[in-house]
């Protein structure tokens, strides 16, 4: 018997066909209202905290438990507070 016996190659499974992405289910009215309320509450809290911290982005980030000032700037843009931020900077 040879020192290194030939090994049988491992059987490969056929690759499954990729499924077309499923269309997302439409959200219920309850979910839509909840999402809108969440966004409104987050926007109000961000604005209140920015004002309380005199628009200091680092202090706001600390107060809200966010990573850093750039996270606050992204949130300012996401919640459409850019005009208020620009006014506060002048």
PDB file of N, CA and C in Angstrom:
ATOM      1  N   UNK A   1       0.856  -1.167   0.000  1.00  0.00           N
ATOM      2  CA  UNK A   1       0.000   0.000   0.000  1.00  0.00           C
ATOM      3  C   UNK A   1       0.905   1.233   0.000  1.00  0.00           C
ATOM      4  N   UNK A   2       0.619   2.220  -0.881  1.00  0.00           N
ATOM      5  CA  UNK A   2       1.460   3.405  -0.941  1.00  0.00           C
ATOM      6  C   UNK A   2       1.364   4.207   0.354  1.00  0.00           C
ATOM      7  N   UNK A   3       2.436   4.953   0.589  1.00  0.00           N
ATOM      8  CA  UNK A   3       2.498   5.778   1.788  1.00  0.00           C
ATOM      9  C   UNK A   3       1.344   6.773   1.862  1.00  0.00           C
ATOM     10  N   UNK A   4       1.056   7.444   0.760  1.00  0.00           N
ATOM     11  CA  UNK A   4      -0.019   8.428   0.711  1.00  0.00           C
ATOM     12  C   UNK A   4      -1.136   7.872  -0.154  1.00  0.00           C
ATOM     13  N   UNK A   5      -2.148   7.419   0.481  1.00  0.00           N
ATOM     14  CA  UNK A   5      -3.269   6.875  -0.278  1.00  0.00           C
ATOM     15  C   UNK A   5      -4.023   8.006  -0.928  1.00  0.00           C
ATOM     16  N   UNK A   6      -4.449   7.789  -2.138  1.00  0.00           N
ATOM     17  CA  UNK A   6      -5.224   8.806  -2.859  1.00  0.00           C
ATOM     18  C   UNK A   6      -6.550   9.000  -2.147  1.00  0.00           C
ATOM     19  N   UNK A   7      -6.912  10.258  -1.959  1.00  0.00           N
ATOM     20  CA  UNK A   7      -8.195  10.535  -1.314  1.00  0.00           C
ATOM     21  C   UNK A   7      -9.215  10.892  -2.375  1.00  0.00           C
ATOM     22  N   UNK A   8     -10.390  10.522  -2.115  1.00  0.00           N
ATOM     23  CA  UNK A   8     -11.494  10.801  -3.022  1.00  0.00           C
ATOM     24  C   UNK A   8     -11.892  12.265  -2.865  1.00  0.00           C
ATOM     25  N   UNK A   9     -12.027  13.002  -3.966  1.00  0.00           N
ATOM     26  CA  UNK A   9     -12.424  14.404  -3.826  1.00  0.00           C
ATOM     27  C   UNK A   9     -13.792  14.505  -3.163  1.00  0.00           C
ATOM     28  N   UNK A  10     -13.926  15.544  -2.371  1.00  0.00           N
ATOM     29  CA  UNK A  10     -15.194  15.763  -1.664  1.00  0.00           C
ATOM     30  C   UNK A  10     -16.291  16.068  -2.671  1.00  0.00           C
ATOM     31  N   UNK A  11     -17.425  15.509  -2.413  1.00  0.00           N
ATOM     32  CA  UNK A  11     -18.570  15.771  -3.287  1.00  0.00           C
ATOM     33  C   UNK A  11     -19.022  17.215  -3.080  1.00  0.00           C
ATOM     34  N   UNK A  12     -19.332  17.872  -4.138  1.00  0.00           N
ATOM     35  CA  UNK A  12     -19.804  19.255  -4.027  1.00  0.00           C
ATOM     36  C   UNK A  12     -21.308  19.281  -4.188  1.00  0.00           C
ATOM     37  N   UNK A  13     -21.906  20.123  -3.384  1.00  0.00           N
ATOM     38  CA  UNK A  13     -23.359  20.274  -3.467  1.00  0.00           C
ATOM     39  C   UNK A  13     -23.673  21.217  -4.618  1.00  0.00           C
ATOM     40  N   UNK A  14     -24.740  20.968  -5.312  1.00  0.00           N
ATOM     41  CA  UNK A  14     -25.113  21.917  -6.359  1.00  0.00           C
ATOM     42  C   UNK A  14     -25.445  23.269  -5.735  1.00  0.00           C
ATOM     43  N   UNK A  15     -25.046  24.312  -6.392  1.00  0.00           N
ATOM     44  CA  UNK A  15     -25.311  25.652  -5.899  1.00  0.00           C
ATOM     45  C   UNK A  15     -26.791  25.961  -6.060  1.00  0.00           C
ATOM     46  N   UNK A  16     -27.436  26.374  -4.955  1.00  0.00           N
ATOM     47  CA  UNK A  16     -28.864  26.703  -5.088  1.00  0.00           C
ATOM     48  C   UNK A  16     -29.028  27.962  -5.937  1.00  0.00           C
ATOM     49  N   UNK A  17     -30.105  28.000  -6.650  1.00  0.00           N
ATOM     50  CA  UNK A  17     -30.390  29.172  -7.475  1.00  0.00           C
ATOM     51  C   UNK A  17     -30.738  30.343  -6.572  1.00  0.00           C
ATOM     52  N   UNK A  18     -30.234  31.477  -6.926  1.00  0.00           N
ATOM     53  CA  UNK A  18     -30.533  32.681  -6.144  1.00  0.00           C
ATOM     54  C   UNK A  18     -31.999  33.048  -6.345  1.00  0.00           C
ATOM     55  N   UNK A  19     -32.656  33.291  -5.240  1.00  0.00           N
ATOM     56  CA  UNK A  19     -34.064  33.692  -5.309  1.00  0.00           C
ATOM     57  C   UNK A  19     -34.143  35.181  -5.564  1.00  0.00           C
ATOM     58  N   UNK A  20     -35.150  35.565  -6.283  1.00  0.00           N
ATOM     59  CA  UNK A  20     -35.401  36.991  -6.500  1.00  0.00           C
ATOM     60  C   UNK A  20     -35.760  37.601  -5.152  1.00  0.00           C
ATOM     61  N   UNK A  21     -35.268  38.813  -4.866  1.00  0.00           N
ATOM     62  CA  UNK A  21     -35.611  39.427  -3.583  1.00  0.00           C
ATOM     63  C   UNK A  21     -37.125  39.591  -3.460  1.00  0.00           C
ATOM     64  N   UNK A  22     -37.591  39.240  -2.287  1.00  0.00           N
ATOM     65  CA  UNK A  22     -39.025  39.351  -2.033  1.00  0.00           C
ATOM     66  C   UNK A  22     -39.418  40.815  -1.937  1.00  0.00           C
ATOM     67  N   UNK A  23     -40.593  41.124  -2.433  1.00  0.00           N
ATOM     68  CA  UNK A  23     -41.103  42.484  -2.306  1.00  0.00           C
ATOM     69  C   UNK A  23     -41.452  42.723  -0.848  1.00  0.00           C
ATOM     70  N   UNK A  24     -41.008  43.863  -0.305  1.00  0.00           N
ATOM     71  CA  UNK A  24     -41.344  44.122   1.097  1.00  0.00           C
ATOM     72  C   UNK A  24     -42.851  44.278   1.271  1.00  0.00           C
ATOM     73  N   UNK A  25     -43.308  43.763   2.384  1.00  0.00           N
ATOM     74  CA  UNK A  25     -44.729  43.886   2.692  1.00  0.00           C
ATOM     75  C   UNK A  25     -45.048  45.323   3.019  1.00  0.00           C
ATOM     76  N   UNK A  26     -46.163  45.824   2.557  1.00  0.00           N
ATOM     77  CA  UNK A  26     -46.525  47.204   2.916  1.00  0.00           C
ATOM     78  C   UNK A  26     -46.728  47.306   4.430  1.00  0.00           C
ATOM     79  N   UNK A  27     -46.295  48.421   4.987  1.00  0.00           N
ATOM     80  CA  UNK A  27     -46.434  48.623   6.428  1.00  0.00           C
ATOM     81  C   UNK A  27     -47.879  48.942   6.777  1.00  0.00           C
ATOM     82  N   UNK A  28     -48.256  48.475   7.935  1.00  0.00           N
ATOM     83  CA  UNK A  28     -49.601  48.772   8.416  1.00  0.00           C
ATOM     84  C   UNK A  28     -49.681  50.243   8.805  1.00  0.00           C
ATOM     85  N   UNK A  29     -50.882  50.737   8.899  1.00  0.00           N
ATOM     86  CA  UNK A  29     -51.091  52.116   9.332  1.00  0.00           C
ATOM     87  C   UNK A  29     -50.518  52.315  10.723  1.00  0.00           C
ATOM     88  N   UNK A  30     -50.672  51.324  11.573  1.00  0.00           N
ATOM     89  CA  UNK A  30     -50.142  51.408  12.936  1.00  0.00           C
ATOM     90  C   UNK A  30     -48.623  51.576  12.910  1.00  0.00           C
ATOM     91  N   UNK A  31     -47.942  50.791  12.086  1.00  0.00           N
ATOM     92  CA  UNK A  31     -46.482  50.909  11.973  1.00  0.00           C
ATOM     93  C   UNK A  31     -46.075  52.251  11.401  1.00  0.00           C
ATOM     94  N   UNK A  32     -46.791  52.722  10.420  1.00  0.00           N
ATOM     95  CA  UNK A  32     -46.476  54.007   9.807  1.00  0.00           C
ATOM     96  C   UNK A  32     -46.603  55.145  10.810  1.00  0.00           C
ATOM     97  N   UNK A  33     -47.675  55.120  11.587  1.00  0.00           N
ATOM     98  CA  UNK A  33     -47.882  56.160  12.597  1.00  0.00           C
ATOM     99  C   UNK A  33     -46.800  56.057  13.673  1.00  0.00           C
ATOM    100  N   UNK A  34     -46.450  54.841  14.064  1.00  0.00           N
ATOM    101  CA  UNK A  34     -45.392  54.644  15.059  1.00  0.00           C
ATOM    102  C   UNK A  34     -44.049  55.149  14.569  1.00  0.00           C
ATOM    103  N   UNK A  35     -43.725  54.862  13.296  1.00  0.00           N
ATOM    104  CA  UNK A  35     -42.461  55.339  12.724  1.00  0.00           C
ATOM    105  C   UNK A  35     -42.415  56.866  12.702  1.00  0.00           C
ATOM    106  N   UNK A  36     -43.514  57.478  12.312  1.00  0.00           N
ATOM    107  CA  UNK A  36     -43.574  58.947  12.250  1.00  0.00           C
ATOM    108  C   UNK A  36     -43.428  59.547  13.654  1.00  0.00           C
ATOM    109  N   UNK A  37     -44.071  58.944  14.639  1.00  0.00           N
ATOM    110  CA  UNK A  37     -43.982  59.439  16.017  1.00  0.00           C
ATOM    111  C   UNK A  37     -42.557  59.312  16.541  1.00  0.00           C
ATOM    112  N   UNK A  38     -41.896  58.209  16.215  1.00  0.00           N
ATOM    113  CA  UNK A  38     -40.513  57.999  16.639  1.00  0.00           C
ATOM    114  C   UNK A  38     -39.604  59.073  16.051  1.00  0.00           C
ATOM    115  N   UNK A  39     -39.738  59.335  14.764  1.00  0.00           N
ATOM    116  CA  UNK A  39     -38.917  60.360  14.125  1.00  0.00           C
ATOM    117  C   UNK A  39     -39.162  61.729  14.735  1.00  0.00           C
ATOM    118  N   UNK A  40     -40.422  62.051  14.998  1.00  0.00           N
ATOM    119  CA  UNK A  40     -40.763  63.337  15.604  1.00  0.00           C
ATOM    120  C   UNK A  40     -40.151  63.459  16.997  1.00  0.00           C
ATOM    121  N   UNK A  41     -40.254  62.391  17.797  1.00  0.00           N
ATOM    122  CA  UNK A  41     -39.698  62.418  19.154  1.00  0.00           C
ATOM    123  C   UNK A  41     -38.176  62.548  19.123  1.00  0.00           C
ATOM    124  N   UNK A  42     -37.526  61.828  18.218  1.00  0.00           N
ATOM    125  CA  UNK A  42     -36.068  61.899  18.107  1.00  0.00           C
ATOM    126  C   UNK A  42     -35.624  63.301  17.685  1.00  0.00           C
ATOM    127  N   UNK A  43     -36.350  63.880  16.741  1.00  0.00           N
ATOM    128  CA  UNK A  43     -36.013  65.225  16.262  1.00  0.00           C
ATOM    129  C   UNK A  43     -36.145  66.245  17.393  1.00  0.00           C
ATOM    130  N   UNK A  44     -37.247  66.150  18.141  1.00  0.00           N
ATOM    131  CA  UNK A  44     -37.476  67.078  19.251  1.00  0.00           C
ATOM    132  C   UNK A  44     -36.396  66.952  20.321  1.00  0.00           C
ATOM    133  N   UNK A  45     -36.023  65.716  20.660  1.00  0.00           N
ATOM    134  CA  UNK A  45     -34.996  65.506  21.671  1.00  0.00           C
ATOM    135  C   UNK A  45     -33.647  66.040  21.197  1.00  0.00           C
ATOM    136  N   UNK A  46     -33.304  65.798  19.944  1.00  0.00           N
ATOM    137  CA  UNK A  46     -32.046  66.305  19.407  1.00  0.00           C
ATOM    138  C   UNK A  46     -32.016  67.829  19.452  1.00  0.00           C
ATOM    139  N   UNK A  47     -33.084  68.460  18.992  1.00  0.00           N
ATOM    140  CA  UNK A  47     -33.147  69.921  18.976  1.00  0.00           C
ATOM    141  C   UNK A  47     -33.085  70.494  20.394  1.00  0.00           C
ATOM    142  N   UNK A  48     -33.814  69.890  21.317  1.00  0.00           N
ATOM    143  CA  UNK A  48     -33.809  70.348  22.712  1.00  0.00           C
ATOM    144  C   UNK A  48     -32.404  70.233  23.312  1.00  0.00           C
ATOM    145  N   UNK A  49     -31.731  69.134  23.029  1.00  0.00           N
ATOM    146  CA  UNK A  49     -30.391  68.917  23.575  1.00  0.00           C
ATOM    147  C   UNK A  49     -29.382  69.858  22.938  1.00  0.00           C
ATOM    148  N   UNK A  50     -29.481  70.061  21.633  1.00  0.00           N
ATOM    149  CA  UNK A  50     -28.580  71.007  20.970  1.00  0.00           C
ATOM    150  C   UNK A  50     -28.727  72.402  21.569  1.00  0.00           C
ATOM    151  N   UNK A  51     -29.953  72.827  21.787  1.00  0.00           N
ATOM    152  CA  UNK A  51     -30.182  74.152  22.371  1.00  0.00           C
ATOM    153  C   UNK A  51     -29.644  74.222  23.801  1.00  0.00           C
ATOM    154  N   UNK A  52     -29.885  73.172  24.588  1.00  0.00           N
ATOM    155  CA  UNK A  52     -29.413  73.142  25.974  1.00  0.00           C
ATOM    156  C   UNK A  52     -27.890  73.153  26.048  1.00  0.00           C
ATOM    157  N   UNK A  53     -27.238  72.593  25.046  1.00  0.00           N
ATOM    158  CA  UNK A  53     -25.780  72.542  25.015  1.00  0.00           C
ATOM    159  C   UNK A  53     -25.195  73.678  24.170  1.00  0.00           C
ATOM    160  N   UNK A  54     -26.005  74.697  23.893  1.00  0.00           N
ATOM    161  CA  UNK A  54     -25.581  75.865  23.108  1.00  0.00           C
ATOM    162  C   UNK A  54     -24.984  75.442  21.765  1.00  0.00           C
ATOM    163  N   UNK A  55     -25.571  74.440  21.159  1.00  0.00           N
ATOM    164  CA  UNK A  55     -25.179  73.933  19.841  1.00  0.00           C
ATOM    165  C   UNK A  55     -23.749  73.395  19.822  1.00  0.00           C
ATOM    166  N   UNK A  56     -23.260  72.986  20.969  1.00  0.00           N
ATOM    167  CA  UNK A  56     -21.954  72.339  21.050  1.00  0.00           C
ATOM    168  C   UNK A  56     -22.156  70.867  20.677  1.00  0.00           C
ATOM    169  N   UNK A  57     -21.601  70.470  19.538  1.00  0.00           N
ATOM    170  CA  UNK A  57     -21.848  69.135  19.004  1.00  0.00           C
ATOM    171  C   UNK A  57     -21.251  68.036  19.878  1.00  0.00           C
ATOM    172  N   UNK A  58     -20.061  68.264  20.412  1.00  0.00           N
ATOM    173  CA  UNK A  58     -19.426  67.255  21.267  1.00  0.00           C
ATOM    174  C   UNK A  58     -20.214  67.063  22.559  1.00  0.00           C
ATOM    175  N   UNK A  59     -20.637  68.160  23.150  1.00  0.00           N
ATOM    176  CA  UNK A  59     -21.429  68.071  24.385  1.00  0.00           C
ATOM    177  C   UNK A  59     -22.768  67.393  24.122  1.00  0.00           C
ATOM    178  N   UNK A  60     -23.361  67.685  22.983  1.00  0.00           N
ATOM    179  CA  UNK A  60     -24.627  67.044  22.612  1.00  0.00           C
ATOM    180  C   UNK A  60     -24.425  65.550  22.426  1.00  0.00           C
ATOM    181  N   UNK A  61     -23.337  65.174  21.770  1.00  0.00           N
ATOM    182  CA  UNK A  61     -23.046  63.751  21.567  1.00  0.00           C
ATOM    183  C   UNK A  61     -22.914  63.034  22.910  1.00  0.00           C
ATOM    184  N   UNK A  62     -22.179  63.641  23.832  1.00  0.00           N
ATOM    185  CA  UNK A  62     -22.028  63.031  25.165  1.00  0.00           C
ATOM    186  C   UNK A  62     -23.373  62.902  25.865  1.00  0.00           C
ATOM    187  N   UNK A  63     -24.163  63.963  25.822  1.00  0.00           N
ATOM    188  CA  UNK A  63     -25.467  63.975  26.505  1.00  0.00           C
ATOM    189  C   UNK A  63     -26.397  62.895  25.967  1.00  0.00           C
ATOM    190  N   UNK A  64     -26.346  62.668  24.663  1.00  0.00           N
ATOM    191  CA  UNK A  64     -27.250  61.699  24.032  1.00  0.00           C
ATOM    192  C   UNK A  64     -26.636  60.308  23.887  1.00  0.00           C
ATOM    193  N   UNK A  65     -25.396  60.152  24.350  1.00  0.00           N
ATOM    194  CA  UNK A  65     -24.760  58.843  24.255  1.00  0.00           C
ATOM    195  C   UNK A  65     -24.379  58.469  22.832  1.00  0.00           C
ATOM    196  N   UNK A  66     -24.108  59.480  22.024  1.00  0.00           N
ATOM    197  CA  UNK A  66     -23.708  59.240  20.635  1.00  0.00           C
ATOM    198  C   UNK A  66     -22.190  59.146  20.579  1.00  0.00           C
ATOM    199  N   UNK A  67     -21.685  58.620  19.477  1.00  0.00           N
ATOM    200  CA  UNK A  67     -20.252  58.374  19.337  1.00  0.00           C
ATOM    201  C   UNK A  67     -19.431  59.644  19.390  1.00  0.00           C
ATOM    202  N   UNK A  68     -19.771  60.615  18.552  1.00  0.00           N
ATOM    203  CA  UNK A  68     -18.971  61.831  18.471  1.00  0.00           C
ATOM    204  C   UNK A  68     -19.749  62.937  17.772  1.00  0.00           C
ATOM    205  N   UNK A  69     -19.093  64.084  17.591  1.00  0.00           N
ATOM    206  CA  UNK A  69     -19.750  65.247  16.996  1.00  0.00           C
ATOM    207  C   UNK A  69     -20.217  64.974  15.574  1.00  0.00           C
ATOM    208  N   UNK A  70     -19.474  64.154  14.830  1.00  0.00           N
ATOM    209  CA  UNK A  70     -19.892  63.870  13.450  1.00  0.00           C
ATOM    210  C   UNK A  70     -21.207  63.093  13.422  1.00  0.00           C
ATOM    211  N   UNK A  71     -21.454  62.278  14.429  1.00  0.00           N
ATOM    212  CA  UNK A  71     -22.736  61.573  14.518  1.00  0.00           C
ATOM    213  C   UNK A  71     -23.876  62.568  14.719  1.00  0.00           C
ATOM    214  N   UNK A  72     -23.604  63.585  15.517  1.00  0.00           N
ATOM    215  CA  UNK A  72     -24.618  64.621  15.743  1.00  0.00           C
ATOM    216  C   UNK A  72     -24.879  65.382  14.447  1.00  0.00           C
ATOM    217  N   UNK A  73     -23.821  65.699  13.718  1.00  0.00           N
ATOM    218  CA  UNK A  73     -24.001  66.394  12.430  1.00  0.00           C
ATOM    219  C   UNK A  73     -24.826  65.563  11.455  1.00  0.00           C
ATOM    220  N   UNK A  74     -24.584  64.257  11.422  1.00  0.00           N
ATOM    221  CA  UNK A  74     -25.390  63.394  10.547  1.00  0.00           C
ATOM    222  C   UNK A  74     -26.851  63.409  10.986  1.00  0.00           C
ATOM    223  N   UNK A  75     -27.079  63.414  12.297  1.00  0.00           N
ATOM    224  CA  UNK A  75     -28.451  63.460  12.810  1.00  0.00           C
ATOM    225  C   UNK A  75     -29.100  64.804  12.489  1.00  0.00           C
ATOM    226  N   UNK A  76     -28.332  65.881  12.568  1.00  0.00           N
ATOM    227  CA  UNK A  76     -28.844  67.211  12.212  1.00  0.00           C
ATOM    228  C   UNK A  76     -29.353  67.183  10.766  1.00  0.00           C
ATOM    229  N   UNK A  77     -28.588  66.581   9.886  1.00  0.00           N
ATOM    230  CA  UNK A  77     -29.007  66.485   8.482  1.00  0.00           C
ATOM    231  C   UNK A  77     -30.208  65.551   8.337  1.00  0.00           C
ATOM    232  N   UNK A  78     -30.169  64.397   9.018  1.00  0.00           N
ATOM    233  CA  UNK A  78     -31.248  63.406   8.907  1.00  0.00           C
ATOM    234  C   UNK A  78     -32.582  63.991   9.356  1.00  0.00           C
ATOM    235  N   UNK A  79     -32.565  64.791  10.413  1.00  0.00           N
ATOM    236  CA  UNK A  79     -33.810  65.339  10.962  1.00  0.00           C
ATOM    237  C   UNK A  79     -34.104  66.740  10.449  1.00  0.00           C
ATOM    238  N   UNK A  80     -33.435  67.120   9.385  1.00  0.00           N
ATOM    239  CA  UNK A  80     -33.695  68.387   8.702  1.00  0.00           C
ATOM    240  C   UNK A  80     -33.568  69.587   9.645  1.00  0.00           C
ATOM    241  N   UNK A  81     -32.473  69.608  10.388  1.00  0.00           N
ATOM    242  CA  UNK A  81     -32.200  70.711  11.309  1.00  0.00           C
ATOM    243  C   UNK A  81     -31.028  71.564  10.835  1.00  0.00           C
ATOM    244  N   UNK A  82     -30.642  71.402   9.582  1.00  0.00           N
ATOM    245  CA  UNK A  82     -29.479  72.100   9.053  1.00  0.00           C
ATOM    246  C   UNK A  82     -29.656  73.612   9.100  1.00  0.00           C
ATOM    247  N   UNK A  83     -30.827  74.117   8.755  1.00  0.00           N
ATOM    248  CA  UNK A  83     -31.054  75.569   8.764  1.00  0.00           C
ATOM    249  C   UNK A  83     -30.916  76.118  10.180  1.00  0.00           C
ATOM    250  N   UNK A  84     -31.470  75.420  11.181  1.00  0.00           N
ATOM    251  CA  UNK A  84     -31.356  75.870  12.565  1.00  0.00           C
ATOM    252  C   UNK A  84     -29.892  75.842  13.004  1.00  0.00           C
ATOM    253  N   UNK A  85     -29.168  74.803  12.598  1.00  0.00           N
ATOM    254  CA  UNK A  85     -27.757  74.693  12.951  1.00  0.00           C
ATOM    255  C   UNK A  85     -26.958  75.843  12.350  1.00  0.00           C
ATOM    256  N   UNK A  86     -27.212  76.156  11.102  1.00  0.00           N
ATOM    257  CA  UNK A  86     -26.500  77.261  10.442  1.00  0.00           C
ATOM    258  C   UNK A  86     -26.807  78.599  11.124  1.00  0.00           C
ATOM    259  N   UNK A  87     -28.080  78.830  11.498  1.00  0.00           N
ATOM    260  CA  UNK A  87     -28.447  80.057  12.203  1.00  0.00           C
ATOM    261  C   UNK A  87     -27.728  80.148  13.542  1.00  0.00           C
ATOM    262  N   UNK A  88     -27.625  79.027  14.242  1.00  0.00           N
ATOM    263  CA  UNK A  88     -26.989  79.017  15.562  1.00  0.00           C
ATOM    264  C   UNK A  88     -25.495  79.262  15.464  1.00  0.00           C
ATOM    265  N   UNK A  89     -24.896  78.908  14.354  1.00  0.00           N
ATOM    266  CA  UNK A  89     -23.446  79.084  14.180  1.00  0.00           C
ATOM    267  C   UNK A  89     -23.076  80.528  13.898  1.00  0.00           C
ATOM    268  N   UNK A  90     -24.026  81.334  13.443  1.00  0.00           N
ATOM    269  CA  UNK A  90     -23.709  82.728  13.094  1.00  0.00           C
ATOM    270  C   UNK A  90     -23.864  83.652  14.281  1.00  0.00           C
TER     271      UNK A  90
END
